[in-house]
């Protein structure tokens, strides 16, 4: 009996609720490792991850299609929120904002996207999260309504 074979590269982007600065740099790696573990447990492979103080980028290989992308994001947000709050890795109560962006890439783009995700600190010295996210929507020709975007607050 034939198998199903897939290779899909996706960059997820989602924000901290209220775009608050809730991911301190000294806890960033612990949060990233935990999130990578969630992906691994769901038979997905994270290629690059970077938790900014107010949003996160996760570039992964989506192989296990038995879990839908919305279900995977829900599990990641729910489990990581619980972990961050139980371990007190953020000041006050931590929540992710509703919604996310998911952008697909070809194999030939993989190395460039890994580099982009890992270079977030430098990248955001030149461009705000709002500018970055709007550029994604434009580049991927995604129609949207402003009222359904992340809450963007000037920091």
Protein backbone atom coordinates (compact mmCIF):
# COMPACT_ATOMS: atom_id res chain seq x y z
CA UNK A 1 0.00 0.00 0.00
CA UNK A 2 1.48 3.41 -0.98
CA UNK A 3 2.40 5.98 1.67
CA UNK A 4 1.83 9.70 1.66
CA UNK A 5 4.96 11.85 1.43
CA UNK A 6 5.09 15.56 2.11
CA UNK A 7 7.65 18.29 2.63
CA UNK A 8 6.13 21.64 3.52
CA UNK A 9 8.08 24.52 5.08
CA UNK A 10 6.08 27.01 7.15
CA UNK A 11 7.03 30.10 9.10
CA UNK A 12 4.62 30.84 11.94
CA UNK A 13 4.42 34.29 13.47
CA UNK A 14 2.30 35.20 16.46
CA UNK A 15 2.34 37.85 19.15
CA UNK A 16 2.17 38.21 22.90
CA UNK A 17 -1.28 39.41 24.02
CA UNK A 18 -1.43 43.18 23.97
CA UNK A 19 2.03 43.11 22.35
CA UNK A 20 3.47 43.48 25.82
CA UNK A 21 7.18 42.94 26.39
CA UNK A 22 6.73 39.61 28.16
CA UNK A 23 9.56 37.38 26.94
CA UNK A 24 12.74 38.46 28.75
CA UNK A 25 15.99 37.74 26.93
CA UNK A 26 17.31 35.68 29.86
CA UNK A 27 14.35 33.25 29.50
CA UNK A 28 14.15 33.26 25.70
CA UNK A 29 16.15 30.05 25.13
CA UNK A 30 14.21 28.07 27.74
CA UNK A 31 10.93 29.10 26.12
CA UNK A 32 12.25 28.29 22.65
CA UNK A 33 13.46 24.83 23.75
CA UNK A 34 10.10 24.06 25.31
CA UNK A 35 8.24 25.09 22.16
CA UNK A 36 10.61 22.97 20.05
CA UNK A 37 9.73 20.05 22.32
CA UNK A 38 6.02 20.58 21.63
CA UNK A 39 6.69 20.50 17.88
CA UNK A 40 8.84 17.39 18.26
CA UNK A 41 6.10 15.65 20.26
CA UNK A 42 3.70 16.40 17.40
CA UNK A 43 6.19 14.89 14.90
CA UNK A 44 7.19 18.23 13.41
CA UNK A 45 10.72 19.55 13.06
CA UNK A 46 11.63 23.12 14.02
CA UNK A 47 14.34 24.48 11.72
CA UNK A 48 14.63 27.90 13.40
CA UNK A 49 12.91 29.70 16.25
CA UNK A 50 13.31 33.13 17.78
CA UNK A 51 11.22 34.49 20.63
CA UNK A 52 11.30 38.27 20.49
CA UNK A 53 10.16 40.13 23.61
CA UNK A 54 6.68 40.63 22.10
CA UNK A 55 6.30 38.05 19.29
CA UNK A 56 7.75 34.80 17.99
CA UNK A 57 8.90 33.31 14.69
CA UNK A 58 8.92 29.54 14.24
CA UNK A 59 10.13 28.04 10.96
CA UNK A 60 9.38 24.35 10.74
CA UNK A 61 9.02 21.38 8.47
CA UNK A 62 5.35 20.36 8.47
CA UNK A 63 5.45 16.61 7.93
CA UNK A 64 2.79 15.02 10.12
CA UNK A 65 -0.44 15.98 8.41
CA UNK A 66 -2.50 14.06 10.98
CA UNK A 67 -2.57 17.33 12.94
CA UNK A 68 -3.97 20.37 11.20
CA UNK A 69 -2.06 23.63 11.28
CA UNK A 70 -4.72 25.41 13.39
CA UNK A 71 -4.72 22.50 15.86
CA UNK A 72 -0.91 22.55 16.05
CA UNK A 73 -0.84 26.30 16.71
CA UNK A 74 -3.51 25.92 19.39
CA UNK A 75 -1.49 23.20 21.15
CA UNK A 76 1.72 25.26 20.93
CA UNK A 77 0.09 28.40 22.29
CA UNK A 78 -1.82 26.59 25.06
CA UNK A 79 1.06 24.42 26.27
CA UNK A 80 3.69 27.15 26.06
CA UNK A 81 1.43 29.62 27.91
CA UNK A 82 0.94 27.09 30.70
CA UNK A 83 4.71 26.41 30.85
CA UNK A 84 5.66 30.11 30.92
CA UNK A 85 3.14 30.87 33.66
CA UNK A 86 3.93 27.80 35.81
CA UNK A 87 7.69 28.44 35.60
CA UNK A 88 7.17 32.21 36.08
CA UNK A 89 9.31 32.97 33.02
CA UNK A 90 7.48 36.23 32.43
CA UNK A 91 6.43 39.08 34.67
CA UNK A 92 2.74 38.87 35.48
CA UNK A 93 0.39 36.55 33.64
CA UNK A 94 1.44 35.54 30.14
CA UNK A 95 -0.88 34.96 27.16
CA UNK A 96 -0.45 34.78 23.40
CA UNK A 97 -2.65 37.05 21.31
CA UNK A 98 -5.34 35.40 19.18
CA UNK A 99 -4.47 34.65 15.58
CA UNK A 100 -1.24 33.92 13.75
CA UNK A 101 0.45 34.24 10.39
CA UNK A 102 1.56 31.13 8.51
CA UNK A 103 3.73 31.57 5.45
CA UNK A 104 4.95 28.75 3.20
CA UNK A 105 8.34 28.47 1.53
CA UNK A 106 10.05 26.26 -1.01
CA UNK A 107 13.06 24.08 -0.27
CA UNK A 108 15.28 26.54 -2.15
CA UNK A 109 14.27 29.29 0.33
CA UNK A 110 14.93 27.21 3.46
CA UNK A 111 18.42 28.51 4.30
CA UNK A 112 17.41 32.15 3.78
CA UNK A 113 14.37 31.78 6.07
CA UNK A 114 16.44 30.06 8.78
CA UNK A 115 18.91 32.94 8.64
CA UNK A 116 16.07 35.49 8.72
CA UNK A 117 14.45 33.92 11.79
CA UNK A 118 17.72 33.58 13.70
CA UNK A 119 18.62 37.20 12.87
CA UNK A 120 15.50 38.69 14.47
CA UNK A 121 17.29 40.84 17.04
CA UNK A 122 19.31 42.63 14.35
CA UNK A 123 16.37 42.76 11.97
CA UNK A 124 14.12 44.55 14.47
CA UNK A 125 16.66 47.29 14.98
CA UNK A 126 15.67 48.45 11.49
CA UNK A 127 12.03 47.41 11.17
CA UNK A 128 9.12 47.26 13.63
CA UNK A 129 7.04 44.12 14.07
CA UNK A 130 4.11 45.86 12.37
CA UNK A 131 6.26 46.79 9.36
CA UNK A 132 7.61 43.25 9.22
CA UNK A 133 4.19 41.60 9.47
CA UNK A 134 2.59 43.92 6.90
CA UNK A 135 5.49 43.14 4.53
CA UNK A 136 4.74 39.41 4.92
CA UNK A 137 1.08 39.94 4.10
CA UNK A 138 1.98 42.01 1.06
CA UNK A 139 4.70 39.65 -0.21
CA UNK A 140 2.40 36.64 0.11
CA UNK A 141 -0.51 38.60 -1.43
CA UNK A 142 -2.78 37.94 1.55
CA UNK A 143 -5.95 40.00 1.68
CA UNK A 144 -6.78 41.20 5.17
CA UNK A 145 -8.90 43.60 7.15
CA UNK A 146 -7.15 45.88 9.64
CA UNK A 147 -9.61 44.97 12.39
CA UNK A 148 -8.47 41.34 12.25
CA UNK A 149 -4.74 42.00 12.50
CA UNK A 150 -2.70 41.77 15.68
CA UNK A 151 -3.03 44.68 18.06
CA UNK A 152 -0.08 46.82 17.03
CA UNK A 153 1.06 49.26 19.66
CA UNK A 154 3.92 51.64 19.18
CA UNK A 155 6.65 50.86 21.69
